[in-house]
C-alpha atoms as a PDB file:
ATOM      1  CA  MET A   1     126.050 -36.877 -31.809  1.00  0.00           C
ATOM      2  CA  THR A   2     124.529 -39.505 -30.145  1.00  0.00           C
ATOM      3  CA  SER A   3     126.671 -40.681 -27.171  1.00  0.00           C
ATOM      4  CA  LEU A   4     127.848 -43.857 -29.387  1.00  0.00           C
ATOM      5  CA  HIS A   5     129.012 -41.795 -32.183  1.00  0.00           C
ATOM      6  CA  LYS A   6     131.280 -39.459 -29.321  1.00  0.00           C
ATOM      7  CA  HIS A   7     132.843 -42.756 -27.996  1.00  0.00           C
ATOM      8  CA  HIS A   8     133.848 -44.029 -31.764  1.00  0.00           C
ATOM      9  CA  ASP A   9     134.894 -41.051 -32.225  1.00  0.00           C
ATOM     10  CA  ALA A  10     137.532 -40.617 -29.087  1.00  0.00           C
ATOM     11  CA  ALA A  11     138.136 -44.363 -29.740  1.00  0.00           C
ATOM     12  CA  ARG A  12     139.102 -43.688 -33.483  1.00  0.00           C
ATOM     13  CA  LEU A  13     141.491 -40.768 -32.194  1.00  0.00           C
ATOM     14  CA  ILE A  14     143.036 -43.128 -29.683  1.00  0.00           C
ATOM     15  CA  ILE A  15     143.510 -45.953 -32.574  1.00  0.00           C
ATOM     16  CA  GLN A  16     145.057 -43.166 -34.750  1.00  0.00           C
ATOM     17  CA  SER A  17     147.397 -42.032 -32.140  1.00  0.00           C
ATOM     18  CA  HIS A  18     148.465 -45.693 -31.440  1.00  0.00           C
ATOM     19  CA  ILE A  19     149.107 -46.405 -34.569  1.00  0.00           C
ATOM     20  CA  ASN A  20     151.006 -43.680 -35.368  1.00  0.00           C
ATOM     21  CA  LYS A  21     153.439 -44.216 -32.579  1.00  0.00           C
ATOM     22  CA  ALA A  22     153.787 -47.842 -33.056  1.00  0.00           C
ATOM     23  CA  LEU A  23     154.770 -46.923 -36.257  1.00  0.00           C
ATOM     24  CA  SER A  24     157.363 -44.190 -35.706  1.00  0.00           C
ATOM     25  CA  GLU A  25     158.790 -46.242 -32.658  1.00  0.00           C
ATOM     26  CA  LYS A  26     158.691 -49.721 -35.297  1.00  0.00           C
ATOM     27  CA  LEU A  27     157.001 -51.721 -32.859  1.00  0.00           C
ATOM     28  CA  VAL A  28     154.862 -53.043 -36.273  1.00  0.00           C
ATOM     29  CA  GLN A  29     155.578 -53.894 -39.256  1.00  0.00           C
ATOM     30  CA  TRP A  30     154.044 -55.972 -42.017  1.00  0.00           C
ATOM     31  CA  ASN A  31     155.393 -58.763 -44.402  1.00  0.00           C
ATOM     32  CA  ASP A  32     153.558 -60.297 -46.968  1.00  0.00           C
ATOM     33  CA  GLY A  33     152.967 -63.791 -45.646  1.00  0.00           C
ATOM     34  CA  LEU A  34     151.018 -62.199 -43.083  1.00  0.00           C
ATOM     35  CA  ASN A  35     147.362 -63.102 -43.008  1.00  0.00           C
ATOM     36  CA  TYR A  36     145.268 -59.022 -42.447  1.00  0.00           C
ATOM     37  CA  THR A  37     143.064 -60.499 -39.607  1.00  0.00           C
ATOM     38  CA  GLU A  38     145.619 -62.371 -37.376  1.00  0.00           C
ATOM     39  CA  PHE A  39     148.115 -59.042 -38.382  1.00  0.00           C
ATOM     40  CA  ILE A  40     144.924 -56.444 -36.878  1.00  0.00           C
ATOM     41  CA  GLN A  41     144.612 -58.996 -33.652  1.00  0.00           C
ATOM     42  CA  ALA A  42     148.109 -59.105 -33.118  1.00  0.00           C
ATOM     43  CA  LEU A  43     148.306 -55.324 -33.291  1.00  0.00           C
ATOM     44  CA  TRP A  44     145.564 -54.961 -30.913  1.00  0.00           C
ATOM     45  CA  ARG A  45     146.790 -57.319 -28.551  1.00  0.00           C
ATOM     46  CA  LEU A  46     149.861 -54.949 -28.536  1.00  0.00           C
ATOM     47  CA  PHE A  47     147.416 -51.889 -28.022  1.00  0.00           C
ATOM     48  CA  LEU A  48     146.025 -54.084 -25.148  1.00  0.00           C
ATOM     49  CA  ASN A  49     149.903 -55.195 -23.627  1.00  0.00           C
ATOM     50  CA  ASN A  50     152.342 -52.874 -24.230  1.00  0.00           C
ATOM     51  CA  ASP A  51     152.220 -50.474 -20.813  1.00  0.00           C
ATOM     52  CA  ARG A  52     152.338 -46.846 -23.736  1.00  0.00           C
ATOM     53  CA  PHE A  53     149.053 -48.121 -24.931  1.00  0.00           C
ATOM     54  CA  LYS A  54     147.544 -50.353 -22.527  1.00  0.00           C
ATOM     55  CA  LEU A  55     145.474 -47.466 -20.723  1.00  0.00           C
ATOM     56  CA  GLU A  56     143.715 -46.014 -23.248  1.00  0.00           C
ATOM     57  CA  THR A  57     143.204 -49.337 -25.048  1.00  0.00           C
ATOM     58  CA  GLN A  58     141.469 -50.335 -21.971  1.00  0.00           C
ATOM     59  CA  THR A  59     139.477 -47.006 -21.921  1.00  0.00           C
ATOM     60  CA  ILE A  60     138.309 -47.952 -25.242  1.00  0.00           C
ATOM     61  CA  LEU A  61     136.819 -51.093 -24.360  1.00  0.00           C
ATOM     62  CA  GLU A  62     134.738 -49.595 -21.506  1.00  0.00           C
ATOM     63  CA  GLN A  63     132.974 -47.690 -24.123  1.00  0.00           C
ATOM     64  CA  LEU A  64     132.877 -50.000 -27.543  1.00  0.00           C
ATOM     65  CA  SER A  65     132.667 -53.947 -27.484  1.00  0.00           C
ATOM     66  CA  HIS A  66     135.545 -55.789 -28.400  1.00  0.00           C
ATOM     67  CA  ASP A  67     134.516 -56.515 -31.978  1.00  0.00           C
ATOM     68  CA  GLU A  68     133.716 -52.373 -32.368  1.00  0.00           C
ATOM     69  CA  ALA A  69     137.810 -51.605 -31.412  1.00  0.00           C
ATOM     70  CA  LEU A  70     139.017 -54.164 -34.289  1.00  0.00           C
ATOM     71  CA  GLN A  71     137.048 -52.952 -36.841  1.00  0.00           C
ATOM     72  CA  LEU A  72     137.938 -49.647 -35.941  1.00  0.00           C
ATOM     73  CA  LEU A  73     141.162 -50.655 -35.760  1.00  0.00           C
ATOM     74  CA  ALA A  74     141.349 -52.600 -39.491  1.00  0.00           C
ATOM     75  CA  ASP A  75     139.467 -48.890 -40.916  1.00  0.00           C
ATOM     76  CA  GLU A  76     142.546 -47.426 -39.531  1.00  0.00           C
ATOM     77  CA  ILE A  77     145.222 -48.824 -40.153  1.00  0.00           C
ATOM     78  CA  ASP A  78     147.233 -48.165 -43.431  1.00  0.00           C
ATOM     79  CA  ILE A  79     149.071 -51.183 -44.926  1.00  0.00           C
ATOM     80  CA  THR A  80     150.627 -49.122 -47.361  1.00  0.00           C
ATOM     81  CA  LYS A  81     152.263 -47.042 -44.564  1.00  0.00           C
ATOM     82  CA  LEU A  82     153.275 -50.554 -42.906  1.00  0.00           C
ATOM     83  CA  LYS A  83     154.685 -51.929 -46.246  1.00  0.00           C
ATOM     84  CA  ALA A  84     156.810 -48.758 -46.772  1.00  0.00           C
ATOM     85  CA  SER A  85     158.220 -48.624 -43.164  1.00  0.00           C
END
């Protein structure tokens, strides 16, 4: 496994954890008027700025580009879970 794959895998685990924590703590919710891209960017800003998520999110950005991190977030978010919450 290459170093890049290891970074992606580690970042994916952090993002999954962040999403689950944000959902369980009701820090994020979906409404049908949201633009998906803007939602992903807003969720990323939450992860960057909220003290519960900030350090691990900054670690992701030390390993991956901003665009790669956003793509991972978009890949991992499950809109059906958001709509159900």
